[in-house]
Amino acid sequence: MKVVAFERSLQGTGASRRLRRAGKTPGIIYGGEQAPQMIELDHNALYHALKKEQFHSSVLQLEIAGKSSQVLLRDYQMHPFKQLVLHVDFQRVDAGHKISMKVPLHFTGAENSPAVKLSHGLVNHVMTEVEVSCLPSELPEFIEVDLSELVLHQSVHVNDLKLPKGVSVLTHGVDNPAVVTVSPPPGGVGEEGAEGAAAAEGESK
């Protein structure tokens, strides 16, 4: 994904305020062996880019004065109540060094799983994203989690995720945390449980 930016020489609160009035957003690029660089970006283009999931979880091609470099979006600040991006931070990446980045999880198949279709269970997304470590070229835009085989009371954990080659999940000392859990529907044990209870009652008569 390409991002176009321009060099920025003026710093300070007053300069940033003037930039915003002109439809620009101040920003910075840091990391690597180069010194931090002040930049400015078109506000509307940046605002719409921030709405895209890919912008938050991909290696971006940042172009300044015709030269392109690989960066990651590391932070941005929004106005408390206006649709206004106040500042944005990018980090340079080195193709030969691993990066850490939060990647969204895309859940599929839950509606057709035995847990939902037969037991009417409630699927709880404990995590919606995971932090991964990999080379920039191996960074996935998202990780798909197939829930089509879920049954009631089952959990999906980090170790169950199918990760692309070269990608590992960082759990920061937590041992195999849960990603998804399935609980019974409110006020009952689900269709399968009800049928089982009815059958057991019939046998006891």
N, C-alpha and C. Protein backbone atom coordinates (compact mmCIF):
# COMPACT_ATOMS: atom_id res chain seq x y z
N MET A 1 0.86 -1.19 0.00
CA MET A 1 0.00 0.00 0.00
C MET A 1 0.89 1.24 0.00
N LYS A 2 0.61 2.16 -0.90
CA LYS A 2 1.47 3.34 -1.07
C LYS A 2 0.94 4.54 -0.29
N VAL A 3 1.88 5.26 0.32
CA VAL A 3 1.57 6.49 1.05
C VAL A 3 2.49 7.59 0.54
N VAL A 4 1.93 8.73 0.19
CA VAL A 4 2.73 9.85 -0.29
C VAL A 4 2.85 10.89 0.82
N ALA A 5 4.08 11.30 1.10
CA ALA A 5 4.33 12.31 2.13
C ALA A 5 5.30 13.35 1.59
N PHE A 6 5.45 14.43 2.34
CA PHE A 6 6.33 15.52 1.94
C PHE A 6 7.20 15.91 3.12
N GLU A 7 8.39 16.38 2.84
CA GLU A 7 9.29 16.81 3.90
C GLU A 7 8.70 18.02 4.62
N ARG A 8 8.96 18.07 5.93
CA ARG A 8 8.45 19.18 6.74
C ARG A 8 9.62 19.78 7.51
N SER A 9 9.81 21.08 7.37
CA SER A 9 10.94 21.73 8.03
C SER A 9 10.54 22.45 9.31
N LEU A 10 9.32 22.99 9.34
CA LEU A 10 8.88 23.75 10.51
C LEU A 10 8.30 22.82 11.56
N GLN A 11 8.66 23.06 12.82
CA GLN A 11 8.17 22.26 13.93
C GLN A 11 7.47 23.16 14.94
N GLY A 12 6.86 22.52 15.93
CA GLY A 12 6.21 23.28 16.99
C GLY A 12 4.71 23.31 16.85
N THR A 13 4.05 23.71 17.93
CA THR A 13 2.59 23.72 17.97
C THR A 13 1.99 24.66 16.93
N GLY A 14 2.56 25.85 16.81
CA GLY A 14 2.03 26.82 15.85
C GLY A 14 2.14 26.33 14.42
N ALA A 15 3.29 25.75 14.07
CA ALA A 15 3.49 25.23 12.72
C ALA A 15 2.53 24.09 12.43
N SER A 16 2.32 23.21 13.40
CA SER A 16 1.41 22.08 13.22
C SER A 16 -0.03 22.56 13.05
N ARG A 17 -0.40 23.61 13.79
CA ARG A 17 -1.75 24.15 13.68
C ARG A 17 -1.97 24.74 12.29
N ARG A 18 -0.96 25.44 11.77
CA ARG A 18 -1.09 26.01 10.42
C ARG A 18 -1.19 24.91 9.37
N LEU A 19 -0.45 23.84 9.56
CA LEU A 19 -0.52 22.71 8.63
C LEU A 19 -1.94 22.14 8.59
N ARG A 20 -2.53 21.95 9.75
CA ARG A 20 -3.87 21.36 9.81
C ARG A 20 -4.90 22.27 9.16
N ARG A 21 -4.73 23.57 9.34
CA ARG A 21 -5.66 24.51 8.70
C ARG A 21 -5.53 24.44 7.18
N ALA A 22 -4.35 24.05 6.71
CA ALA A 22 -4.11 23.94 5.26
C ALA A 22 -4.48 22.56 4.73
N GLY A 23 -5.09 21.72 5.56
CA GLY A 23 -5.51 20.40 5.10
C GLY A 23 -4.41 19.36 5.13
N LYS A 24 -3.38 19.59 5.95
CA LYS A 24 -2.26 18.66 6.06
C LYS A 24 -2.21 18.08 7.48
N THR A 25 -1.55 16.94 7.60
CA THR A 25 -1.33 16.31 8.91
C THR A 25 0.17 16.17 9.15
N PRO A 26 0.69 16.67 10.27
CA PRO A 26 2.11 16.49 10.57
C PRO A 26 2.39 15.06 11.01
N GLY A 27 3.61 14.61 10.72
CA GLY A 27 3.99 13.26 11.10
C GLY A 27 5.49 13.13 11.26
N ILE A 28 5.93 11.93 11.58
CA ILE A 28 7.36 11.66 11.76
C ILE A 28 7.66 10.24 11.30
N ILE A 29 8.85 10.05 10.76
CA ILE A 29 9.37 8.72 10.45
C ILE A 29 10.60 8.51 11.32
N TYR A 30 10.68 7.37 11.99
CA TYR A 30 11.85 7.09 12.83
C TYR A 30 12.27 5.64 12.64
N GLY A 31 13.40 5.28 13.24
CA GLY A 31 13.88 3.91 13.17
C GLY A 31 15.00 3.73 12.18
N GLY A 32 15.69 2.62 12.29
CA GLY A 32 16.82 2.36 11.41
C GLY A 32 18.02 3.21 11.77
N GLU A 33 18.94 3.33 10.85
CA GLU A 33 20.17 4.09 11.09
C GLU A 33 20.02 5.57 10.76
N GLN A 34 18.93 5.93 10.11
CA GLN A 34 18.71 7.32 9.74
C GLN A 34 18.10 8.10 10.90
N ALA A 35 18.32 9.40 10.86
CA ALA A 35 17.73 10.28 11.88
C ALA A 35 16.22 10.38 11.67
N PRO A 36 15.46 10.66 12.72
CA PRO A 36 14.02 10.88 12.55
C PRO A 36 13.76 12.00 11.54
N GLN A 37 12.71 11.85 10.75
CA GLN A 37 12.40 12.83 9.70
C GLN A 37 10.98 13.34 9.88
N MET A 38 10.84 14.67 9.91
CA MET A 38 9.53 15.29 10.01
C MET A 38 8.87 15.29 8.63
N ILE A 39 7.59 14.92 8.59
CA ILE A 39 6.87 14.87 7.32
C ILE A 39 5.50 15.50 7.47
N GLU A 40 4.85 15.70 6.34
CA GLU A 40 3.45 16.11 6.32
C GLU A 40 2.73 15.31 5.25
N LEU A 41 1.45 15.06 5.48
CA LEU A 41 0.65 14.26 4.56
C LEU A 41 -0.68 14.96 4.30
N ASP A 42 -1.28 14.66 3.16
CA ASP A 42 -2.62 15.17 2.88
C ASP A 42 -3.59 14.56 3.88
N HIS A 43 -4.32 15.41 4.59
CA HIS A 43 -5.18 14.92 5.67
C HIS A 43 -6.27 13.98 5.18
N ASN A 44 -6.98 14.36 4.13
CA ASN A 44 -8.11 13.55 3.69
C ASN A 44 -7.67 12.17 3.21
N ALA A 45 -6.55 12.13 2.48
CA ALA A 45 -6.04 10.84 2.02
C ALA A 45 -5.65 9.96 3.21
N LEU A 46 -5.01 10.56 4.21
CA LEU A 46 -4.61 9.81 5.40
C LEU A 46 -5.83 9.35 6.19
N TYR A 47 -6.80 10.22 6.34
CA TYR A 47 -8.00 9.90 7.11
C TYR A 47 -8.71 8.68 6.52
N HIS A 48 -8.84 8.65 5.19
CA HIS A 48 -9.51 7.52 4.54
C HIS A 48 -8.64 6.26 4.58
N ALA A 49 -7.32 6.43 4.50
CA ALA A 49 -6.42 5.27 4.59
C ALA A 49 -6.53 4.61 5.96
N LEU A 50 -6.69 5.42 7.01
CA LEU A 50 -6.78 4.88 8.37
C LEU A 50 -8.04 4.03 8.58
N LYS A 51 -9.02 4.17 7.72
CA LYS A 51 -10.23 3.36 7.82
C LYS A 51 -10.03 1.95 7.28
N LYS A 52 -8.92 1.74 6.57
CA LYS A 52 -8.67 0.44 5.95
C LYS A 52 -7.83 -0.44 6.88
N GLU A 53 -8.28 -1.65 7.07
CA GLU A 53 -7.57 -2.59 7.95
C GLU A 53 -6.14 -2.81 7.48
N GLN A 54 -5.96 -2.87 6.16
CA GLN A 54 -4.64 -3.13 5.58
C GLN A 54 -3.62 -2.07 5.99
N PHE A 55 -4.07 -0.84 6.16
CA PHE A 55 -3.17 0.26 6.50
C PHE A 55 -2.53 0.06 7.87
N HIS A 56 -3.22 -0.65 8.75
CA HIS A 56 -2.76 -0.84 10.12
C HIS A 56 -1.90 -2.09 10.29
N SER A 57 -1.96 -3.01 9.35
CA SER A 57 -1.30 -4.31 9.56
C SER A 57 -0.43 -4.74 8.38
N SER A 58 0.01 -3.79 7.57
CA SER A 58 0.84 -4.11 6.40
C SER A 58 2.09 -3.25 6.39
N VAL A 59 3.09 -3.74 5.67
CA VAL A 59 4.26 -2.91 5.38
C VAL A 59 3.85 -1.92 4.29
N LEU A 60 4.03 -0.64 4.55
CA LEU A 60 3.60 0.42 3.64
C LEU A 60 4.79 0.94 2.84
N GLN A 61 4.51 1.37 1.62
CA GLN A 61 5.52 2.00 0.78
C GLN A 61 5.34 3.52 0.91
N LEU A 62 6.22 4.15 1.66
CA LEU A 62 6.13 5.60 1.89
C LEU A 62 7.02 6.33 0.91
N GLU A 63 6.43 7.20 0.12
CA GLU A 63 7.17 7.93 -0.91
C GLU A 63 7.35 9.39 -0.52
N ILE A 64 8.60 9.84 -0.53
CA ILE A 64 8.93 11.24 -0.26
C ILE A 64 9.89 11.72 -1.33
N ALA A 65 9.50 12.76 -2.05
CA ALA A 65 10.34 13.34 -3.10
C ALA A 65 10.81 12.28 -4.10
N GLY A 66 9.91 11.39 -4.46
CA GLY A 66 10.22 10.38 -5.46
C GLY A 66 10.96 9.17 -4.94
N LYS A 67 11.37 9.18 -3.67
CA LYS A 67 12.08 8.04 -3.10
C LYS A 67 11.13 7.26 -2.18
N SER A 68 11.18 5.93 -2.31
CA SER A 68 10.27 5.08 -1.55
C SER A 68 11.01 4.29 -0.48
N SER A 69 10.39 4.15 0.67
CA SER A 69 10.96 3.33 1.75
C SER A 69 9.84 2.55 2.42
N GLN A 70 10.20 1.44 3.05
CA GLN A 70 9.22 0.60 3.72
C GLN A 70 9.04 1.06 5.17
N VAL A 71 7.79 1.22 5.57
CA VAL A 71 7.49 1.67 6.93
C VAL A 71 6.28 0.91 7.47
N LEU A 72 6.11 1.02 8.78
CA LEU A 72 4.92 0.52 9.46
C LEU A 72 4.23 1.70 10.14
N LEU A 73 2.91 1.69 10.15
CA LEU A 73 2.17 2.65 10.96
C LEU A 73 2.32 2.25 12.42
N ARG A 74 2.86 3.14 13.24
CA ARG A 74 3.09 2.81 14.64
C ARG A 74 2.14 3.53 15.59
N ASP A 75 1.67 4.72 15.21
CA ASP A 75 0.78 5.44 16.11
C ASP A 75 0.12 6.58 15.34
N TYR A 76 -1.04 6.99 15.81
CA TYR A 76 -1.68 8.19 15.28
C TYR A 76 -2.60 8.75 16.36
N GLN A 77 -2.80 10.06 16.30
CA GLN A 77 -3.65 10.73 17.29
C GLN A 77 -4.82 11.39 16.57
N MET A 78 -6.00 11.16 17.13
CA MET A 78 -7.21 11.78 16.58
C MET A 78 -7.68 12.89 17.51
N HIS A 79 -8.38 13.88 16.95
CA HIS A 79 -9.02 14.92 17.75
C HIS A 79 -10.10 14.27 18.62
N PRO A 80 -10.29 14.75 19.86
CA PRO A 80 -11.26 14.11 20.76
C PRO A 80 -12.68 14.00 20.20
N PHE A 81 -13.13 14.98 19.41
CA PHE A 81 -14.50 14.90 18.91
C PHE A 81 -14.66 15.30 17.45
N LYS A 82 -13.60 15.74 16.80
CA LYS A 82 -13.66 16.05 15.37
C LYS A 82 -13.06 14.91 14.55
N GLN A 83 -13.50 14.80 13.31
CA GLN A 83 -12.91 13.81 12.40
C GLN A 83 -11.61 14.38 11.85
N LEU A 84 -10.63 14.47 12.73
CA LEU A 84 -9.37 15.14 12.41
C LEU A 84 -8.20 14.32 12.93
N VAL A 85 -7.27 13.98 12.03
CA VAL A 85 -6.05 13.28 12.41
C VAL A 85 -5.02 14.33 12.81
N LEU A 86 -4.58 14.30 14.06
CA LEU A 86 -3.68 15.34 14.56
C LEU A 86 -2.22 15.06 14.25
N HIS A 87 -1.83 13.80 14.28
CA HIS A 87 -0.42 13.45 14.09
C HIS A 87 -0.32 11.97 13.75
N VAL A 88 0.74 11.59 13.03
CA VAL A 88 0.93 10.20 12.65
C VAL A 88 2.41 9.84 12.76
N ASP A 89 2.68 8.62 13.23
CA ASP A 89 4.05 8.12 13.38
C ASP A 89 4.25 6.89 12.50
N PHE A 90 5.36 6.86 11.77
CA PHE A 90 5.74 5.69 10.98
C PHE A 90 7.12 5.21 11.44
N GLN A 91 7.35 3.91 11.35
CA GLN A 91 8.65 3.34 11.69
C GLN A 91 9.25 2.67 10.46
N ARG A 92 10.51 2.99 10.18
CA ARG A 92 11.20 2.35 9.06
C ARG A 92 11.43 0.87 9.38
N VAL A 93 11.42 0.04 8.33
CA VAL A 93 11.71 -1.38 8.52
C VAL A 93 12.87 -1.78 7.63
N ASP A 94 13.60 -2.77 8.10
CA ASP A 94 14.73 -3.33 7.36
C ASP A 94 14.31 -4.71 6.87
N ALA A 95 14.45 -4.95 5.57
CA ALA A 95 13.99 -6.21 4.99
C ALA A 95 14.63 -7.43 5.64
N GLY A 96 15.82 -7.28 6.22
CA GLY A 96 16.53 -8.41 6.80
C GLY A 96 16.33 -8.59 8.29
N HIS A 97 15.54 -7.73 8.91
CA HIS A 97 15.32 -7.82 10.35
C HIS A 97 13.84 -8.06 10.66
N LYS A 98 13.59 -8.91 11.64
CA LYS A 98 12.21 -9.22 12.00
C LYS A 98 11.53 -8.01 12.65
N ILE A 99 10.24 -7.94 12.45
CA ILE A 99 9.43 -6.88 13.03
C ILE A 99 8.34 -7.52 13.89
N SER A 100 7.77 -6.76 14.79
CA SER A 100 6.60 -7.20 15.54
C SER A 100 5.44 -6.28 15.18
N MET A 101 4.28 -6.88 14.97
CA MET A 101 3.13 -6.11 14.49
C MET A 101 1.85 -6.81 14.90
N LYS A 102 0.83 -6.05 15.24
CA LYS A 102 -0.48 -6.63 15.54
C LYS A 102 -1.23 -6.89 14.23
N VAL A 103 -1.75 -8.10 14.11
CA VAL A 103 -2.43 -8.53 12.89
C VAL A 103 -3.85 -8.95 13.25
N PRO A 104 -4.86 -8.52 12.49
CA PRO A 104 -6.24 -8.89 12.81
C PRO A 104 -6.53 -10.36 12.54
N LEU A 105 -7.48 -10.90 13.28
CA LEU A 105 -7.97 -12.25 13.06
C LEU A 105 -9.29 -12.19 12.31
N HIS A 106 -9.42 -13.00 11.26
CA HIS A 106 -10.67 -13.09 10.51
C HIS A 106 -11.31 -14.44 10.82
N PHE A 107 -12.46 -14.43 11.44
CA PHE A 107 -13.14 -15.66 11.85
C PHE A 107 -14.14 -16.09 10.78
N THR A 108 -14.11 -17.37 10.41
CA THR A 108 -15.01 -17.90 9.39
C THR A 108 -15.67 -19.18 9.88
N GLY A 109 -16.87 -19.45 9.36
CA GLY A 109 -17.52 -20.75 9.55
C GLY A 109 -18.25 -20.96 10.85
N ALA A 110 -18.26 -20.00 11.75
CA ALA A 110 -18.89 -20.22 13.06
C ALA A 110 -20.38 -20.53 12.92
N GLU A 111 -21.05 -19.85 11.99
CA GLU A 111 -22.50 -20.03 11.87
C GLU A 111 -22.88 -21.44 11.41
N ASN A 112 -21.94 -22.16 10.79
CA ASN A 112 -22.21 -23.52 10.33
C ASN A 112 -21.63 -24.59 11.25
N SER A 113 -21.06 -24.19 12.35
CA SER A 113 -20.42 -25.14 13.27
C SER A 113 -21.47 -25.87 14.10
N PRO A 114 -21.17 -27.09 14.56
CA PRO A 114 -22.09 -27.79 15.47
C PRO A 114 -22.41 -26.97 16.72
N ALA A 115 -21.44 -26.21 17.19
CA ALA A 115 -21.66 -25.41 18.40
C ALA A 115 -22.80 -24.42 18.23
N VAL A 116 -22.91 -23.84 17.05
CA VAL A 116 -23.94 -22.83 16.81
C VAL A 116 -25.19 -23.45 16.20
N LYS A 117 -25.00 -24.30 15.18
CA LYS A 117 -26.13 -24.83 14.42
C LYS A 117 -26.94 -25.84 15.24
N LEU A 118 -26.26 -26.69 15.99
CA LEU A 118 -26.96 -27.73 16.74
C LEU A 118 -27.18 -27.36 18.20
N SER A 119 -26.18 -26.73 18.81
CA SER A 119 -26.26 -26.45 20.24
C SER A 119 -26.66 -25.02 20.56
N HIS A 120 -26.74 -24.17 19.53
CA HIS A 120 -27.10 -22.76 19.72
C HIS A 120 -26.18 -22.07 20.72
N GLY A 121 -24.91 -22.49 20.70
CA GLY A 121 -23.94 -21.90 21.60
C GLY A 121 -23.54 -20.49 21.21
N LEU A 122 -22.92 -19.81 22.14
CA LEU A 122 -22.46 -18.44 21.92
C LEU A 122 -20.95 -18.46 21.71
N VAL A 123 -20.52 -17.97 20.55
CA VAL A 123 -19.10 -17.91 20.23
C VAL A 123 -18.54 -16.59 20.72
N ASN A 124 -17.54 -16.66 21.58
CA ASN A 124 -16.93 -15.46 22.16
C ASN A 124 -15.53 -15.27 21.60
N HIS A 125 -15.31 -14.12 20.98
CA HIS A 125 -14.00 -13.79 20.43
C HIS A 125 -13.16 -13.14 21.54
N VAL A 126 -12.35 -13.94 22.20
CA VAL A 126 -11.51 -13.43 23.28
C VAL A 126 -10.45 -12.49 22.72
N MET A 127 -9.94 -12.82 21.54
CA MET A 127 -8.97 -11.97 20.84
C MET A 127 -9.52 -11.63 19.46
N THR A 128 -9.26 -10.42 19.01
CA THR A 128 -9.60 -10.04 17.64
C THR A 128 -8.34 -9.76 16.82
N GLU A 129 -7.19 -9.77 17.49
CA GLU A 129 -5.91 -9.58 16.83
C GLU A 129 -4.82 -10.25 17.66
N VAL A 130 -3.70 -10.55 17.01
CA VAL A 130 -2.55 -11.11 17.72
C VAL A 130 -1.31 -10.36 17.28
N GLU A 131 -0.33 -10.31 18.16
CA GLU A 131 0.95 -9.70 17.81
C GLU A 131 1.86 -10.78 17.25
N VAL A 132 2.42 -10.53 16.07
CA VAL A 132 3.27 -11.52 15.42
C VAL A 132 4.68 -10.99 15.24
N SER A 133 5.60 -11.91 15.05
CA SER A 133 6.99 -11.58 14.74
C SER A 133 7.37 -12.29 13.45
N CYS A 134 7.96 -11.54 12.50
CA CYS A 134 8.34 -12.11 11.22
C CYS A 134 9.16 -11.10 10.44
N LEU A 135 9.71 -11.52 9.32
CA LEU A 135 10.36 -10.59 8.41
C LEU A 135 9.29 -9.74 7.72
N PRO A 136 9.63 -8.52 7.32
CA PRO A 136 8.63 -7.66 6.66
C PRO A 136 7.94 -8.32 5.47
N SER A 137 8.69 -9.08 4.69
CA SER A 137 8.12 -9.72 3.50
C SER A 137 7.13 -10.82 3.84
N GLU A 138 7.15 -11.31 5.08
CA GLU A 138 6.29 -12.42 5.49
C GLU A 138 5.08 -11.96 6.30
N LEU A 139 4.95 -10.65 6.52
CA LEU A 139 3.86 -10.13 7.35
C LEU A 139 2.51 -10.36 6.69
N PRO A 140 1.61 -11.13 7.32
CA PRO A 140 0.28 -11.33 6.74
C PRO A 140 -0.64 -10.15 7.03
N GLU A 141 -1.56 -9.86 6.11
CA GLU A 141 -2.53 -8.79 6.35
C GLU A 141 -3.50 -9.20 7.46
N PHE A 142 -3.80 -10.50 7.53
CA PHE A 142 -4.69 -11.03 8.56
C PHE A 142 -4.42 -12.53 8.70
N ILE A 143 -4.94 -13.11 9.76
CA ILE A 143 -4.85 -14.55 9.97
C ILE A 143 -6.27 -15.10 10.04
N GLU A 144 -6.56 -16.07 9.20
CA GLU A 144 -7.91 -16.65 9.16
C GLU A 144 -8.04 -17.75 10.20
N VAL A 145 -9.16 -17.74 10.91
CA VAL A 145 -9.44 -18.75 11.94
C VAL A 145 -10.72 -19.47 11.56
N ASP A 146 -10.60 -20.74 11.20
CA ASP A 146 -11.75 -21.55 10.77
C ASP A 146 -12.45 -22.12 12.00
N LEU A 147 -13.71 -21.72 12.18
CA LEU A 147 -14.48 -22.16 13.35
C LEU A 147 -15.57 -23.16 12.98
N SER A 148 -15.53 -23.71 11.78
CA SER A 148 -16.62 -24.55 11.28
C SER A 148 -16.76 -25.88 12.02
N GLU A 149 -15.72 -26.30 12.75
CA GLU A 149 -15.79 -27.58 13.47
C GLU A 149 -16.01 -27.39 14.97
N LEU A 150 -16.26 -26.19 15.39
CA LEU A 150 -16.44 -25.91 16.83
C LEU A 150 -17.61 -26.69 17.42
N VAL A 151 -17.42 -27.17 18.65
CA VAL A 151 -18.52 -27.78 19.40
C VAL A 151 -18.66 -27.04 20.72
N LEU A 152 -19.77 -27.26 21.38
CA LEU A 152 -20.06 -26.57 22.64
C LEU A 152 -18.96 -26.81 23.67
N HIS A 153 -18.60 -25.76 24.38
CA HIS A 153 -17.57 -25.77 25.43
C HIS A 153 -16.14 -25.88 24.89
N GLN A 154 -15.98 -25.90 23.58
CA GLN A 154 -14.63 -25.98 23.01
C GLN A 154 -13.98 -24.60 23.00
N SER A 155 -12.66 -24.58 23.06
CA SER A 155 -11.90 -23.34 22.95
C SER A 155 -10.86 -23.48 21.84
N VAL A 156 -10.58 -22.37 21.19
CA VAL A 156 -9.49 -22.30 20.22
C VAL A 156 -8.39 -21.46 20.86
N HIS A 157 -7.18 -21.98 20.85
CA HIS A 157 -6.05 -21.29 21.48
C HIS A 157 -5.03 -20.84 20.43
N VAL A 158 -4.10 -20.03 20.87
CA VAL A 158 -3.07 -19.50 19.97
C VAL A 158 -2.34 -20.62 19.25
N ASN A 159 -2.04 -21.71 19.96
CA ASN A 159 -1.32 -22.82 19.34
C ASN A 159 -2.13 -23.53 18.26
N ASP A 160 -3.44 -23.27 18.21
CA ASP A 160 -4.29 -23.88 17.19
C ASP A 160 -4.31 -23.07 15.89
N LEU A 161 -3.80 -21.86 15.91
CA LEU A 161 -3.84 -21.01 14.73
C LEU A 161 -2.92 -21.55 13.64
N LYS A 162 -3.39 -21.48 12.41
CA LYS A 162 -2.58 -21.87 11.25
C LYS A 162 -1.85 -20.63 10.76
N LEU A 163 -0.56 -20.57 11.06
CA LEU A 163 0.23 -19.38 10.75
C LEU A 163 1.00 -19.57 9.45
N PRO A 164 1.16 -18.49 8.69
CA PRO A 164 1.99 -18.57 7.48
C PRO A 164 3.44 -18.90 7.85
N LYS A 165 4.17 -19.41 6.88
CA LYS A 165 5.56 -19.77 7.10
C LYS A 165 6.36 -18.54 7.55
N GLY A 166 7.18 -18.73 8.58
CA GLY A 166 8.04 -17.66 9.06
C GLY A 166 7.40 -16.74 10.07
N VAL A 167 6.13 -16.99 10.40
CA VAL A 167 5.38 -16.11 11.32
C VAL A 167 5.17 -16.81 12.66
N SER A 168 5.45 -16.13 13.75
CA SER A 168 5.18 -16.66 15.08
C SER A 168 4.39 -15.63 15.88
N VAL A 169 3.60 -16.11 16.84
CA VAL A 169 2.78 -15.23 17.67
C VAL A 169 3.52 -14.93 18.97
N LEU A 170 3.51 -13.66 19.36
CA LEU A 170 4.11 -13.23 20.62
C LEU A 170 3.02 -13.19 21.69
N THR A 171 3.21 -13.95 22.76
CA THR A 171 2.21 -13.98 23.84
C THR A 171 2.73 -13.34 25.12
N HIS A 172 3.98 -12.89 25.11
CA HIS A 172 4.56 -12.14 26.23
C HIS A 172 4.40 -12.88 27.56
N GLY A 173 4.77 -14.16 27.54
CA GLY A 173 4.79 -14.94 28.77
C GLY A 173 3.50 -15.66 29.11
N VAL A 174 2.41 -15.36 28.42
CA VAL A 174 1.14 -16.05 28.67
C VAL A 174 1.16 -17.38 27.91
N ASP A 175 0.89 -18.47 28.60
CA ASP A 175 0.98 -19.80 27.99
C ASP A 175 -0.27 -20.13 27.19
N ASN A 176 -0.14 -20.13 25.87
CA ASN A 176 -1.19 -20.57 24.95
C ASN A 176 -2.56 -19.97 25.28
N PRO A 177 -2.71 -18.66 25.22
CA PRO A 177 -3.99 -18.02 25.59
C PRO A 177 -5.12 -18.40 24.64
N ALA A 178 -6.34 -18.30 25.15
CA ALA A 178 -7.53 -18.60 24.35
C ALA A 178 -7.80 -17.49 23.35
N VAL A 179 -8.23 -17.89 22.17
CA VAL A 179 -8.62 -16.95 21.12
C VAL A 179 -10.13 -16.89 21.00
N VAL A 180 -10.76 -18.07 21.08
CA VAL A 180 -12.22 -18.19 20.96
C VAL A 180 -12.71 -19.21 21.99
N THR A 181 -13.84 -18.92 22.61
CA THR A 181 -14.51 -19.88 23.48
C THR A 181 -15.96 -20.01 23.05
N VAL A 182 -16.59 -21.13 23.42
CA VAL A 182 -18.00 -21.35 23.11
C VAL A 182 -18.73 -21.67 24.40
N SER A 183 -19.77 -20.92 24.69
CA SER A 183 -20.55 -21.14 25.91
C SER A 183 -21.99 -21.50 25.56
N PRO A 184 -22.71 -22.17 26.47
CA PRO A 184 -24.11 -22.53 26.20
C PRO A 184 -24.97 -21.29 26.05
N PRO A 185 -26.12 -21.43 25.40
CA PRO A 185 -27.03 -20.29 25.27
C PRO A 185 -27.60 -19.92 26.64
N PRO A 186 -28.03 -18.67 26.81
CA PRO A 186 -28.59 -18.25 28.10
C PRO A 186 -29.81 -19.09 28.47
N GLY A 187 -29.83 -19.59 29.70
CA GLY A 187 -31.00 -20.31 30.19
C GLY A 187 -31.11 -21.75 29.75
N GLY A 188 -30.10 -22.29 29.10
CA GLY A 188 -30.20 -23.68 28.65
C GLY A 188 -28.87 -24.24 28.25
N VAL A 189 -28.87 -25.53 27.94
CA VAL A 189 -27.63 -26.21 27.55
C VAL A 189 -27.54 -26.41 26.06
N GLY A 190 -28.52 -25.92 25.31
CA GLY A 190 -28.48 -26.08 23.86
C GLY A 190 -29.32 -27.25 23.42
N GLU A 191 -29.57 -27.32 22.11
CA GLU A 191 -30.45 -28.32 21.53
C GLU A 191 -29.94 -29.73 21.78
N GLU A 192 -28.61 -29.93 21.56
CA GLU A 192 -28.05 -31.25 21.75
C GLU A 192 -28.21 -31.71 23.20
N GLY A 193 -27.94 -30.76 24.13
CA GLY A 193 -28.05 -31.09 25.55
C GLY A 193 -29.48 -31.40 25.94
N ALA A 194 -30.42 -30.63 25.39
CA ALA A 194 -31.82 -30.84 25.70
C ALA A 194 -32.28 -32.20 25.19
N GLU A 195 -31.86 -32.56 23.97
CA GLU A 195 -32.23 -33.85 23.40
C GLU A 195 -31.64 -34.99 24.23
N GLY A 196 -30.38 -34.78 24.67
CA GLY A 196 -29.74 -35.81 25.48
C GLY A 196 -30.45 -36.00 26.81
N ALA A 197 -30.86 -34.89 27.42
CA ALA A 197 -31.57 -34.96 28.70
C ALA A 197 -32.91 -35.65 28.54
N ALA A 198 -33.61 -35.34 27.43
CA ALA A 198 -34.91 -35.96 27.17
C ALA A 198 -34.76 -37.46 26.97
N ALA A 199 -33.72 -37.85 26.23
CA ALA A 199 -33.48 -39.27 25.98
C ALA A 199 -33.17 -40.00 27.28
N ALA A 200 -32.36 -39.37 28.12
CA ALA A 200 -32.01 -39.99 29.39
C ALA A 200 -33.23 -40.16 30.28
N GLU A 201 -34.11 -39.15 30.25
CA GLU A 201 -35.32 -39.22 31.06
C GLU A 201 -36.22 -40.34 30.57
N GLY A 202 -36.30 -40.51 29.22
CA GLY A 202 -37.13 -41.56 28.66
C GLY A 202 -36.63 -42.94 29.03
N GLU A 203 -35.31 -43.11 29.06
CA GLU A 203 -34.74 -44.40 29.39
C GLU A 203 -34.97 -44.77 30.85
N SER A 204 -35.05 -43.74 31.70
CA SER A 204 -35.20 -44.01 33.14
C SER A 204 -36.62 -44.40 33.51
N LYS A 205 -37.58 -44.16 32.58
CA LYS A 205 -38.98 -44.48 32.89
C LYS A 205 -39.25 -45.97 32.69
